[in-house]
Amino acid sequence: EWNPKKRAKEIIAKLDISGDKKLSKQEFVNGCRNDPVIYGLLVSR
């Protein structure tokens, strides 16, 4: 079953380098650049 809240928490945990359970702008940008799935969702082709 696909659970959006659970998926969002998983993504934040993956991108949250500082471990404070918050995403800074820099963590978000770096995470999006380094994750091919997220990058593909954000970049129009």
N, C-alpha and C. Protein backbone atom coordinates (compact mmCIF):
# COMPACT_ATOMS: atom_id res chain seq x y z
N GLU A 1 0.84 -1.19 0.00
CA GLU A 1 0.00 0.00 0.00
C GLU A 1 0.88 1.24 0.00
N TRP A 2 0.51 2.21 -0.82
CA TRP A 2 1.27 3.45 -0.92
C TRP A 2 0.74 4.45 0.09
N ASN A 3 1.60 4.88 1.00
CA ASN A 3 1.21 5.82 2.05
C ASN A 3 2.04 7.10 1.87
N PRO A 4 1.42 8.21 1.44
CA PRO A 4 2.16 9.44 1.16
C PRO A 4 2.91 9.99 2.38
N LYS A 5 2.30 9.94 3.55
CA LYS A 5 2.98 10.46 4.75
C LYS A 5 4.23 9.65 5.07
N LYS A 6 4.11 8.33 4.96
CA LYS A 6 5.25 7.46 5.23
C LYS A 6 6.35 7.71 4.20
N ARG A 7 5.97 7.83 2.95
CA ARG A 7 6.95 8.08 1.88
C ARG A 7 7.65 9.42 2.10
N ALA A 8 6.90 10.46 2.48
CA ALA A 8 7.50 11.77 2.74
C ALA A 8 8.51 11.69 3.88
N LYS A 9 8.17 10.97 4.94
CA LYS A 9 9.10 10.81 6.06
C LYS A 9 10.37 10.09 5.63
N GLU A 10 10.22 9.09 4.77
CA GLU A 10 11.38 8.35 4.26
C GLU A 10 12.29 9.26 3.44
N ILE A 11 11.68 10.09 2.60
CA ILE A 11 12.46 11.00 1.77
C ILE A 11 13.19 12.02 2.63
N ILE A 12 12.49 12.61 3.60
CA ILE A 12 13.12 13.59 4.49
C ILE A 12 14.27 12.95 5.25
N ALA A 13 14.06 11.74 5.75
CA ALA A 13 15.13 11.05 6.48
C ALA A 13 16.34 10.83 5.59
N LYS A 14 16.11 10.52 4.33
CA LYS A 14 17.21 10.27 3.40
C LYS A 14 17.98 11.56 3.08
N LEU A 15 17.26 12.67 2.94
CA LEU A 15 17.88 13.93 2.54
C LEU A 15 18.43 14.72 3.72
N ASP A 16 17.94 14.45 4.93
CA ASP A 16 18.30 15.21 6.13
C ASP A 16 19.69 14.80 6.63
N ILE A 17 20.70 15.43 6.08
CA ILE A 17 22.09 15.10 6.42
C ILE A 17 22.41 15.48 7.87
N SER A 18 21.87 16.59 8.35
CA SER A 18 22.19 17.06 9.71
C SER A 18 21.50 16.23 10.79
N GLY A 19 20.44 15.52 10.42
CA GLY A 19 19.75 14.67 11.39
C GLY A 19 18.80 15.41 12.31
N ASP A 20 18.43 16.65 11.96
CA ASP A 20 17.54 17.42 12.83
C ASP A 20 16.06 17.27 12.47
N LYS A 21 15.76 16.35 11.56
CA LYS A 21 14.40 16.08 11.10
C LYS A 21 13.76 17.27 10.39
N LYS A 22 14.61 18.15 9.87
CA LYS A 22 14.17 19.29 9.07
C LYS A 22 15.08 19.34 7.84
N LEU A 23 14.53 19.81 6.75
CA LEU A 23 15.34 19.96 5.54
C LEU A 23 15.69 21.42 5.32
N SER A 24 16.97 21.69 5.28
CA SER A 24 17.39 23.03 4.89
C SER A 24 17.28 23.11 3.36
N LYS A 25 17.33 24.30 2.86
CA LYS A 25 17.28 24.46 1.40
C LYS A 25 18.45 23.72 0.75
N GLN A 26 19.63 23.83 1.36
CA GLN A 26 20.81 23.18 0.79
C GLN A 26 20.69 21.66 0.82
N GLU A 27 20.16 21.10 1.90
CA GLU A 27 19.95 19.65 1.98
C GLU A 27 18.97 19.20 0.90
N PHE A 28 17.91 19.97 0.71
CA PHE A 28 16.91 19.64 -0.30
C PHE A 28 17.53 19.65 -1.70
N VAL A 29 18.24 20.72 -2.01
CA VAL A 29 18.85 20.85 -3.34
C VAL A 29 19.85 19.73 -3.58
N ASN A 30 20.74 19.50 -2.62
CA ASN A 30 21.74 18.44 -2.78
C ASN A 30 21.08 17.07 -2.91
N GLY A 31 20.08 16.83 -2.09
CA GLY A 31 19.39 15.55 -2.15
C GLY A 31 18.71 15.32 -3.48
N CYS A 32 18.08 16.35 -4.00
CA CYS A 32 17.40 16.23 -5.29
C CYS A 32 18.39 16.00 -6.43
N ARG A 33 19.52 16.66 -6.35
CA ARG A 33 20.54 16.48 -7.39
C ARG A 33 21.14 15.09 -7.36
N ASN A 34 21.24 14.50 -6.18
CA ASN A 34 21.92 13.22 -6.02
C ASN A 34 21.01 12.01 -6.07
N ASP A 35 19.71 12.22 -6.11
CA ASP A 35 18.76 11.10 -6.16
C ASP A 35 18.12 11.08 -7.54
N PRO A 36 18.43 10.08 -8.36
CA PRO A 36 17.92 10.06 -9.74
C PRO A 36 16.39 10.03 -9.84
N VAL A 37 15.72 9.41 -8.89
CA VAL A 37 14.26 9.33 -8.94
C VAL A 37 13.66 10.71 -8.66
N ILE A 38 14.11 11.35 -7.59
CA ILE A 38 13.59 12.68 -7.25
C ILE A 38 13.97 13.67 -8.35
N TYR A 39 15.19 13.60 -8.82
CA TYR A 39 15.65 14.49 -9.88
C TYR A 39 14.77 14.35 -11.12
N GLY A 40 14.47 13.12 -11.47
CA GLY A 40 13.63 12.86 -12.63
C GLY A 40 12.22 13.40 -12.48
N LEU A 41 11.72 13.41 -11.26
CA LEU A 41 10.38 13.94 -11.02
C LEU A 41 10.35 15.47 -11.13
N LEU A 42 11.45 16.11 -10.81
CA LEU A 42 11.49 17.57 -10.77
C LEU A 42 11.92 18.22 -12.08
N VAL A 43 12.64 17.48 -12.90
CA VAL A 43 13.17 18.05 -14.14
C VAL A 43 12.27 17.63 -15.30
N SER A 44 11.80 18.64 -16.03
CA SER A 44 10.95 18.31 -17.19
C SER A 44 11.83 17.82 -18.33
N ARG A 45 11.29 16.91 -19.07
CA ARG A 45 12.07 16.33 -20.18
C ARG A 45 11.49 16.72 -21.50
